[in-house]
Structures are given as structure tokens and as C-alpha cells.
Amino acid sequence: MKKVLILNGPNINMTGIREQGVYGSETLENINLRVAEHAKSLEIACVFYQSNSEGELIDHIQSVRDGYDGCVINAGAYTHYSYAIRDAIAAVTKPFVEVHMSNIHAREEFRRRSVIAEVCCGQIAGFGKIGYLLAVSALRELL
């Protein structure tokens, strides 16, 4: 069975509470349960981690190198400016799929650029919680 890290960045823990018109009303915990069920059907074991701390996210990105087959990452606002996260992903030789619940390309100008996109296999944005399911399915194909 393949093992995948589902990594969520700042404020994703507030999903279901903050900006429901953008992110929906379902909590991250419920989304994770649905993702785990979907992943199991694909013979993938998922480990979930969320942090508001850039350093903790980098530590988990680095753990993918030896502990996982790939990673689904929603870096939250770090997507738009964290070269440290970008460099950590680039240093790991496993596939990463970038996911965003909102369509970052249809939002504020500062959200339209992802500094991590070029070091990820692909990006899924704008499909809400379904984006995580699509990302896990994409990783399964890549593995």
C-alpha cells in the first residue's frame, strides 16, 4: 500500500468557520475523513497534518523523502510567497500535488501566483473539498 502525506498550511484548520462562501462549511476533520476513505479505495494510506507554522510544514515536507510515496499540499497563503517551502519541495524527490479549495486564479491579484507550482507535478484549484480527492487520485496515477 502506498503512503501519502496530506499537508495543510495556515488557516486551513479554520475551514468550515472562515469565509464559508469561499471555502465551504465542512470542517477540515470531515474533509480528511472523506479523503481517507477515497484513498483507501485506491490502496493509499494517508497521514494528515496541518500547521500554521512555516518551519513545521518544512519539517513535514522533508519527511516525505524517506517516509512517504508522495504528498498533497495546500500551503495556504504560503503558496504565494514562501520560497523556503518551495525549496523544501524541490529538495524532495517525490511527487507533490498542489491543491487549493478556491480558484486562486480568480481571486485577488496577490493570490494568483504560486511560487510552489513549478516544483509540484500539478495544481488543482477551485473545486472545493473535491480538490483533495482529485489530488489523491492524481498521485495514485503518478505512483
Protein backbone atom coordinates (compact mmCIF):
# COMPACT_ATOMS: atom_id res chain seq x y z
CA MET A 1 0.00 0.00 0.00
CA LYS A 2 1.30 3.45 -0.92
CA LYS A 3 1.63 6.08 1.81
CA VAL A 4 0.81 9.75 1.14
CA LEU A 5 1.09 12.85 3.32
CA ILE A 6 -1.81 15.31 3.13
CA LEU A 7 -0.25 18.58 4.27
CA ASN A 8 -2.28 21.70 5.05
CA GLY A 9 -0.90 25.12 5.84
CA PRO A 10 -2.05 28.19 7.73
CA ASN A 11 -5.72 28.76 8.49
CA ILE A 12 -6.83 25.56 6.76
CA ASN A 13 -7.76 24.34 10.27
CA MET A 14 -10.43 27.09 10.20
CA THR A 15 -12.18 25.55 7.18
CA GLY A 16 -15.90 25.40 7.85
CA ILE A 17 -15.67 28.52 10.01
CA ARG A 18 -13.89 31.16 7.94
CA GLU A 19 -15.14 32.54 4.64
CA GLN A 20 -17.68 29.81 4.03
CA GLY A 21 -18.57 31.35 0.68
CA VAL A 22 -15.01 30.66 -0.46
CA TYR A 23 -14.03 27.51 1.44
CA GLY A 24 -17.37 25.86 2.24
CA SER A 25 -18.98 24.86 5.51
CA GLU A 26 -17.41 21.43 6.00
CA THR A 27 -14.67 21.17 8.61
CA LEU A 28 -11.14 20.02 7.82
CA GLU A 29 -11.72 16.96 10.01
CA ASN A 30 -14.71 15.91 7.88
CA ILE A 31 -12.80 16.58 4.66
CA ASN A 32 -9.94 14.44 5.96
CA LEU A 33 -12.34 11.56 6.70
CA ARG A 34 -13.67 11.69 3.15
CA VAL A 35 -10.15 11.84 1.70
CA ALA A 36 -9.03 8.88 3.83
CA GLU A 37 -12.00 6.82 2.62
CA HIS A 38 -11.30 7.69 -1.02
CA ALA A 39 -7.58 6.99 -0.62
CA LYS A 40 -8.27 3.61 0.96
CA SER A 41 -10.30 2.65 -2.13
CA LEU A 42 -7.16 3.45 -4.17
CA GLU A 43 -4.96 1.39 -1.82
CA ILE A 44 -3.33 4.50 -0.39
CA ALA A 45 -2.79 5.17 3.30
CA CYS A 46 -2.98 8.85 4.19
CA VAL A 47 -1.38 10.72 7.04
CA PHE A 48 -2.85 14.17 7.70
CA TYR A 49 -1.01 17.16 9.12
CA GLN A 50 -1.92 20.83 9.44
CA SER A 51 0.20 23.65 10.81
CA ASN A 52 0.16 27.41 10.85
CA SER A 53 3.95 27.37 11.21
CA GLU A 54 6.18 27.53 8.13
CA GLY A 55 9.01 25.67 9.85
CA GLU A 56 6.77 22.77 10.89
CA LEU A 57 5.46 22.49 7.33
CA ILE A 58 9.03 22.39 6.01
CA ASP A 59 9.92 19.65 8.51
CA HIS A 60 6.97 17.57 7.26
CA ILE A 61 7.84 18.25 3.61
CA GLN A 62 11.33 16.95 4.27
CA SER A 63 9.87 13.83 5.94
CA VAL A 64 8.28 12.87 2.61
CA ARG A 65 11.71 11.97 1.25
CA ASP A 66 12.10 8.86 3.37
CA GLY A 67 8.65 8.27 4.85
CA TYR A 68 6.11 8.67 2.05
CA ASP A 69 5.50 7.93 -1.61
CA GLY A 70 4.14 11.42 -2.30
CA CYS A 71 2.35 14.44 -0.91
CA VAL A 72 -0.79 16.50 -1.44
CA ILE A 73 -0.08 20.04 -0.26
CA ASN A 74 -2.32 23.01 0.39
CA ALA A 75 0.21 25.56 1.56
CA GLY A 76 -2.44 28.21 2.18
CA ALA A 77 -1.08 31.74 1.99
CA TYR A 78 2.50 30.39 1.97
CA THR A 79 1.73 29.31 -1.61
CA HIS A 80 2.20 32.87 -2.77
CA TYR A 81 5.50 33.81 -1.14
CA SER A 82 7.30 31.02 0.71
CA TYR A 83 10.47 30.26 -1.17
CA ALA A 84 11.52 28.18 1.83
CA ILE A 85 8.59 25.82 1.25
CA ARG A 86 9.31 25.84 -2.49
CA ASP A 87 12.94 24.89 -1.86
CA ALA A 88 11.95 22.13 0.57
CA ILE A 89 9.62 20.58 -2.03
CA ALA A 90 12.33 20.85 -4.69
CA ALA A 91 14.78 19.01 -2.41
CA VAL A 92 12.44 16.03 -2.00
CA THR A 93 12.45 13.67 -4.97
CA LYS A 94 8.85 12.51 -4.53
CA PRO A 95 5.75 13.80 -6.34
CA PHE A 96 3.81 16.69 -4.80
CA VAL A 97 0.37 17.78 -5.98
CA GLU A 98 -0.65 21.33 -5.05
CA VAL A 99 -4.30 21.78 -4.10
CA HIS A 100 -6.45 24.81 -3.29
CA MET A 101 -10.13 24.76 -2.42
CA SER A 102 -10.67 28.17 -4.01
CA ASN A 103 -9.75 29.13 -7.55
CA ILE A 104 -6.66 31.15 -6.72
CA HIS A 105 -6.53 32.43 -10.30
CA ALA A 106 -9.91 34.15 -9.92
CA ARG A 107 -9.13 35.84 -6.61
CA GLU A 108 -7.08 38.83 -5.53
CA GLU A 109 -4.01 39.59 -7.62
CA PHE A 110 -1.58 38.54 -4.87
CA ARG A 111 -3.18 35.08 -4.70
CA ARG A 112 -2.83 34.36 -8.41
CA ARG A 113 0.87 33.44 -8.30
CA SER A 114 2.06 30.20 -6.76
CA VAL A 115 5.78 30.02 -6.02
CA ILE A 116 5.47 26.27 -5.37
CA ALA A 117 3.69 25.35 -8.63
CA GLU A 118 6.88 24.85 -10.62
CA VAL A 119 8.19 22.24 -8.17
CA CYS A 120 4.89 20.32 -7.95
CA CYS A 121 3.65 17.79 -10.50
CA GLY A 122 0.44 19.73 -10.92
CA GLN A 123 -2.07 22.06 -9.34
CA ILE A 124 -5.77 21.54 -8.62
CA ALA A 125 -7.71 24.66 -7.70
CA GLY A 126 -11.29 25.80 -7.46
CA PHE A 127 -13.14 22.54 -6.78
CA GLY A 128 -13.52 22.94 -3.02
CA LYS A 129 -13.01 19.84 -0.92
CA ILE A 130 -13.22 17.67 -4.06
CA GLY A 131 -9.78 19.03 -4.98
CA TYR A 132 -8.23 16.80 -2.33
CA LEU A 133 -9.91 13.72 -3.82
CA LEU A 134 -8.70 14.69 -7.28
CA ALA A 135 -5.18 15.27 -5.93
CA VAL A 136 -5.05 11.84 -4.27
CA SER A 137 -6.31 10.23 -7.50
CA ALA A 138 -3.67 12.10 -9.49
CA LEU A 139 -0.94 10.97 -7.08
CA ARG A 140 -2.12 7.38 -7.40
CA GLU A 141 -1.64 7.61 -11.16
CA LEU A 142 1.81 9.15 -10.72
CA LEU A 143 2.92 6.45 -8.31
